[in-house]
Amino acid sequence: MAMVRSGLLQTALRRVSSASSAPPKRGFASSAHHDDAYETAKWEKITYLGIATCTVLAFYNLSKGHPHYEEPPRYEYLHIRNKEFPWGMFPYPCKLVFVKPC
């Protein structure tokens, strides 16, 4: 019984002490010394400058020449078709147009 009274007393004291103190004030580090409009304008200018820079670099990079390589030789073991496909080579309506008679 004494423990219940002690617990109730502690709860009551906590409520009284928290009610009497003022609620904590929220402070944000970014809003303390700087104007939000100034920061927004600054980052907007930085963004546009970055977009322009990336666009210029992309045009420069794409306009430069690039090496053209020779095509690799056709190897005999690639694309081997020894057996007919079970569904045929072409759909039925197109088969008559594309397949030449022997």
N, C-alpha and C. Protein backbone atom coordinates (compact mmCIF):
# COMPACT_ATOMS: atom_id res chain seq x y z
N MET A 1 0.81 -1.19 0.00
CA MET A 1 0.00 0.00 0.00
C MET A 1 0.87 1.27 0.00
N ALA A 2 1.97 1.17 0.71
CA ALA A 2 2.86 2.32 0.79
C ALA A 2 3.49 2.60 -0.57
N MET A 3 3.76 1.54 -1.35
CA MET A 3 4.35 1.73 -2.68
C MET A 3 3.37 2.40 -3.62
N VAL A 4 2.09 2.08 -3.49
CA VAL A 4 1.08 2.69 -4.35
C VAL A 4 0.99 4.18 -4.05
N ARG A 5 0.97 4.52 -2.74
CA ARG A 5 0.91 5.94 -2.37
C ARG A 5 2.16 6.67 -2.85
N SER A 6 3.31 6.02 -2.75
CA SER A 6 4.55 6.65 -3.20
C SER A 6 4.52 6.90 -4.70
N GLY A 7 4.02 5.92 -5.46
CA GLY A 7 3.91 6.07 -6.91
C GLY A 7 2.94 7.17 -7.30
N LEU A 8 1.80 7.24 -6.60
CA LEU A 8 0.83 8.29 -6.88
C LEU A 8 1.40 9.66 -6.55
N LEU A 9 2.14 9.75 -5.44
CA LEU A 9 2.75 11.01 -5.04
C LEU A 9 3.77 11.47 -6.08
N GLN A 10 4.58 10.55 -6.57
CA GLN A 10 5.58 10.92 -7.58
C GLN A 10 4.92 11.38 -8.87
N THR A 11 3.84 10.71 -9.27
CA THR A 11 3.12 11.10 -10.48
C THR A 11 2.52 12.48 -10.32
N ALA A 12 1.94 12.74 -9.18
CA ALA A 12 1.35 14.06 -8.93
C ALA A 12 2.42 15.14 -8.93
N LEU A 13 3.56 14.87 -8.33
CA LEU A 13 4.63 15.86 -8.31
C LEU A 13 5.16 16.13 -9.72
N ARG A 14 5.25 15.10 -10.54
CA ARG A 14 5.71 15.29 -11.91
C ARG A 14 4.75 16.18 -12.70
N ARG A 15 3.46 15.94 -12.52
CA ARG A 15 2.46 16.74 -13.23
C ARG A 15 2.51 18.19 -12.81
N VAL A 16 2.68 18.43 -11.53
CA VAL A 16 2.72 19.80 -11.02
C VAL A 16 3.98 20.51 -11.53
N SER A 17 5.10 19.82 -11.50
CA SER A 17 6.34 20.47 -11.93
C SER A 17 6.34 20.73 -13.43
N SER A 18 5.77 19.84 -14.23
CA SER A 18 5.75 20.05 -15.68
C SER A 18 4.73 21.11 -16.07
N ALA A 19 3.64 21.24 -15.32
CA ALA A 19 2.63 22.24 -15.64
C ALA A 19 3.11 23.63 -15.29
N SER A 20 3.93 23.77 -14.27
CA SER A 20 4.37 25.09 -13.85
C SER A 20 5.47 25.65 -14.74
N SER A 21 6.25 24.79 -15.34
CA SER A 21 7.33 25.28 -16.19
C SER A 21 6.78 25.62 -17.57
N ALA A 22 7.40 26.58 -18.21
CA ALA A 22 6.97 27.00 -19.54
C ALA A 22 7.35 25.93 -20.55
N PRO A 23 6.56 25.79 -21.60
CA PRO A 23 6.92 24.79 -22.62
C PRO A 23 8.23 25.18 -23.29
N PRO A 24 9.01 24.22 -23.70
CA PRO A 24 10.31 24.54 -24.31
C PRO A 24 10.12 25.29 -25.62
N LYS A 25 11.00 26.22 -25.85
CA LYS A 25 10.95 27.02 -27.06
C LYS A 25 11.73 26.32 -28.16
N ARG A 26 11.12 26.23 -29.33
CA ARG A 26 11.78 25.57 -30.46
C ARG A 26 12.68 26.57 -31.15
N GLY A 27 13.91 26.20 -31.30
CA GLY A 27 14.86 27.06 -32.00
C GLY A 27 15.47 26.31 -33.17
N PHE A 28 15.41 26.90 -34.33
CA PHE A 28 15.98 26.28 -35.52
C PHE A 28 17.26 27.01 -35.89
N ALA A 29 18.29 26.27 -36.15
CA ALA A 29 19.59 26.87 -36.42
C ALA A 29 19.59 27.65 -37.73
N SER A 30 18.84 27.18 -38.73
CA SER A 30 18.87 27.86 -40.02
C SER A 30 18.10 29.17 -40.00
N SER A 31 17.12 29.31 -39.12
CA SER A 31 16.32 30.52 -39.09
C SER A 31 16.79 31.51 -38.04
N ALA A 32 17.78 31.19 -37.29
CA ALA A 32 18.17 32.06 -36.20
C ALA A 32 18.83 33.33 -36.69
N HIS A 33 19.70 33.27 -37.67
CA HIS A 33 20.47 34.44 -38.05
C HIS A 33 20.28 34.85 -39.51
N HIS A 34 19.71 34.01 -40.33
CA HIS A 34 19.62 34.30 -41.75
C HIS A 34 18.18 34.48 -42.17
N ASP A 35 18.02 35.22 -43.22
CA ASP A 35 16.70 35.41 -43.78
C ASP A 35 16.42 34.26 -44.75
N ASP A 36 15.24 33.66 -44.65
CA ASP A 36 14.92 32.52 -45.50
C ASP A 36 14.84 32.90 -46.97
N ALA A 37 14.35 34.08 -47.27
CA ALA A 37 14.24 34.51 -48.66
C ALA A 37 15.62 34.65 -49.29
N TYR A 38 16.57 35.15 -48.54
CA TYR A 38 17.94 35.29 -49.05
C TYR A 38 18.53 33.93 -49.36
N GLU A 39 18.37 32.97 -48.47
CA GLU A 39 18.91 31.62 -48.69
C GLU A 39 18.23 30.96 -49.89
N THR A 40 16.93 31.14 -50.02
CA THR A 40 16.21 30.54 -51.15
C THR A 40 16.70 31.13 -52.46
N ALA A 41 16.86 32.44 -52.51
CA ALA A 41 17.35 33.08 -53.73
C ALA A 41 18.77 32.63 -54.06
N LYS A 42 19.60 32.48 -53.04
CA LYS A 42 20.98 32.04 -53.26
C LYS A 42 21.01 30.65 -53.87
N TRP A 43 20.24 29.72 -53.32
CA TRP A 43 20.27 28.36 -53.83
C TRP A 43 19.58 28.25 -55.19
N GLU A 44 18.64 29.12 -55.47
CA GLU A 44 18.03 29.14 -56.79
C GLU A 44 19.06 29.56 -57.84
N LYS A 45 19.87 30.58 -57.52
CA LYS A 45 20.92 31.01 -58.44
C LYS A 45 21.97 29.92 -58.63
N ILE A 46 22.33 29.24 -57.55
CA ILE A 46 23.31 28.15 -57.65
C ILE A 46 22.76 27.03 -58.53
N THR A 47 21.47 26.73 -58.40
CA THR A 47 20.85 25.67 -59.20
C THR A 47 20.88 26.03 -60.68
N TYR A 48 20.48 27.25 -61.01
CA TYR A 48 20.48 27.67 -62.42
C TYR A 48 21.90 27.69 -62.99
N LEU A 49 22.86 28.12 -62.21
CA LEU A 49 24.25 28.11 -62.66
C LEU A 49 24.72 26.67 -62.91
N GLY A 50 24.34 25.75 -62.03
CA GLY A 50 24.70 24.34 -62.22
C GLY A 50 24.07 23.75 -63.46
N ILE A 51 22.80 24.09 -63.71
CA ILE A 51 22.12 23.58 -64.91
C ILE A 51 22.81 24.11 -66.16
N ALA A 52 23.14 25.40 -66.18
CA ALA A 52 23.81 25.98 -67.35
C ALA A 52 25.18 25.34 -67.56
N THR A 53 25.92 25.15 -66.48
CA THR A 53 27.26 24.55 -66.59
C THR A 53 27.17 23.12 -67.12
N CYS A 54 26.27 22.34 -66.60
CA CYS A 54 26.13 20.95 -67.07
C CYS A 54 25.69 20.90 -68.53
N THR A 55 24.82 21.82 -68.94
CA THR A 55 24.38 21.85 -70.33
C THR A 55 25.53 22.18 -71.27
N VAL A 56 26.33 23.19 -70.91
CA VAL A 56 27.47 23.56 -71.74
C VAL A 56 28.48 22.42 -71.82
N LEU A 57 28.76 21.79 -70.70
CA LEU A 57 29.70 20.66 -70.71
C LEU A 57 29.17 19.48 -71.53
N ALA A 58 27.86 19.24 -71.47
CA ALA A 58 27.28 18.15 -72.26
C ALA A 58 27.39 18.44 -73.75
N PHE A 59 27.08 19.68 -74.17
CA PHE A 59 27.22 20.03 -75.59
C PHE A 59 28.66 19.90 -76.05
N TYR A 60 29.58 20.35 -75.25
CA TYR A 60 30.99 20.25 -75.62
C TYR A 60 31.42 18.79 -75.75
N ASN A 61 31.03 17.98 -74.79
CA ASN A 61 31.43 16.58 -74.78
C ASN A 61 30.80 15.82 -75.95
N LEU A 62 29.54 16.12 -76.27
CA LEU A 62 28.87 15.42 -77.36
C LEU A 62 29.32 15.90 -78.73
N SER A 63 29.83 17.13 -78.82
CA SER A 63 30.25 17.65 -80.12
C SER A 63 31.65 17.18 -80.51
N LYS A 64 32.42 16.69 -79.56
CA LYS A 64 33.75 16.18 -79.89
C LYS A 64 33.62 14.90 -80.70
N GLY A 65 34.63 14.63 -81.50
CA GLY A 65 34.64 13.40 -82.27
C GLY A 65 34.91 12.20 -81.36
N HIS A 66 34.47 11.06 -81.82
CA HIS A 66 34.73 9.84 -81.08
C HIS A 66 35.22 8.77 -82.06
N PRO A 67 36.01 7.84 -81.58
CA PRO A 67 36.59 6.85 -82.50
C PRO A 67 35.52 5.86 -83.00
N HIS A 68 35.66 5.49 -84.26
CA HIS A 68 34.79 4.48 -84.84
C HIS A 68 35.61 3.20 -84.98
N TYR A 69 35.08 2.13 -84.46
CA TYR A 69 35.80 0.87 -84.47
C TYR A 69 35.28 0.00 -85.61
N GLU A 70 36.14 -0.89 -86.08
CA GLU A 70 35.73 -1.83 -87.12
C GLU A 70 34.78 -2.86 -86.52
N GLU A 71 33.89 -3.36 -87.38
CA GLU A 71 32.97 -4.38 -86.90
C GLU A 71 33.73 -5.68 -86.67
N PRO A 72 33.38 -6.40 -85.63
CA PRO A 72 34.06 -7.68 -85.39
C PRO A 72 33.68 -8.69 -86.46
N PRO A 73 34.54 -9.67 -86.71
CA PRO A 73 34.23 -10.67 -87.75
C PRO A 73 33.03 -11.52 -87.33
N ARG A 74 32.32 -12.03 -88.34
CA ARG A 74 31.17 -12.89 -88.06
C ARG A 74 31.70 -14.30 -87.78
N TYR A 75 31.44 -14.78 -86.60
CA TYR A 75 31.89 -16.11 -86.21
C TYR A 75 30.86 -17.14 -86.64
N GLU A 76 31.35 -18.32 -87.03
CA GLU A 76 30.45 -19.35 -87.53
C GLU A 76 29.55 -19.92 -86.44
N TYR A 77 30.01 -19.86 -85.21
CA TYR A 77 29.25 -20.51 -84.14
C TYR A 77 28.16 -19.60 -83.55
N LEU A 78 28.00 -18.41 -84.06
CA LEU A 78 26.94 -17.53 -83.58
C LEU A 78 25.72 -17.64 -84.49
N HIS A 79 24.55 -17.58 -83.93
CA HIS A 79 23.27 -17.59 -84.64
C HIS A 79 23.10 -18.83 -85.51
N ILE A 80 23.43 -19.99 -84.98
CA ILE A 80 23.26 -21.25 -85.70
C ILE A 80 21.79 -21.66 -85.58
N ARG A 81 21.17 -21.96 -86.74
CA ARG A 81 19.78 -22.41 -86.77
C ARG A 81 19.73 -23.75 -87.52
N ASN A 82 19.90 -24.85 -86.79
CA ASN A 82 19.90 -26.17 -87.41
C ASN A 82 18.51 -26.77 -87.49
N LYS A 83 17.60 -26.29 -86.67
CA LYS A 83 16.28 -26.90 -86.58
C LYS A 83 15.23 -25.81 -86.76
N GLU A 84 14.13 -26.14 -87.40
CA GLU A 84 13.04 -25.18 -87.58
C GLU A 84 12.42 -24.85 -86.23
N PHE A 85 11.93 -23.63 -86.12
CA PHE A 85 11.20 -23.26 -84.92
C PHE A 85 9.87 -24.01 -84.90
N PRO A 86 9.38 -24.42 -83.73
CA PRO A 86 8.12 -25.16 -83.69
C PRO A 86 6.95 -24.31 -84.17
N TRP A 87 7.02 -23.01 -84.08
CA TRP A 87 5.93 -22.15 -84.50
C TRP A 87 6.14 -21.61 -85.91
N GLY A 88 7.23 -21.99 -86.54
CA GLY A 88 7.52 -21.51 -87.88
C GLY A 88 8.33 -20.23 -87.82
N MET A 89 8.83 -19.81 -88.95
CA MET A 89 9.68 -18.63 -88.99
C MET A 89 8.85 -17.35 -88.97
N PHE A 90 7.66 -17.36 -89.60
CA PHE A 90 6.82 -16.17 -89.70
C PHE A 90 5.40 -16.53 -89.27
N PRO A 91 4.63 -15.52 -88.90
CA PRO A 91 3.20 -15.79 -88.68
C PRO A 91 2.54 -16.21 -89.99
N TYR A 92 1.46 -16.94 -89.92
CA TYR A 92 0.86 -17.56 -91.10
C TYR A 92 0.48 -16.57 -92.19
N PRO A 93 -0.19 -15.41 -91.92
CA PRO A 93 -0.56 -14.53 -93.04
C PRO A 93 0.66 -13.95 -93.76
N CYS A 94 1.73 -13.70 -93.05
CA CYS A 94 2.92 -13.12 -93.68
C CYS A 94 3.79 -14.18 -94.34
N LYS A 95 3.58 -15.44 -94.01
CA LYS A 95 4.46 -16.50 -94.50
C LYS A 95 4.38 -16.61 -96.02
N LEU A 96 3.20 -16.44 -96.56
CA LEU A 96 3.03 -16.57 -98.00
C LEU A 96 3.71 -15.43 -98.75
N VAL A 97 3.84 -14.28 -98.12
CA VAL A 97 4.44 -13.13 -98.78
C VAL A 97 5.96 -13.23 -98.76
N PHE A 98 6.54 -13.64 -97.62
CA PHE A 98 7.99 -13.58 -97.45
C PHE A 98 8.72 -14.83 -97.92
N VAL A 99 8.11 -16.00 -97.82
CA VAL A 99 8.79 -17.23 -98.17
C VAL A 99 8.65 -17.47 -99.67
N LYS A 100 9.80 -17.62 -100.35
CA LYS A 100 9.78 -17.85 -101.79
C LYS A 100 9.70 -19.35 -102.06
N PRO A 101 8.93 -19.75 -103.05
CA PRO A 101 8.88 -21.19 -103.37
C PRO A 101 10.19 -21.65 -104.00
N CYS A 102 10.51 -22.91 -103.81
CA CYS A 102 11.76 -23.47 -104.34
C CYS A 102 11.70 -23.69 -105.82
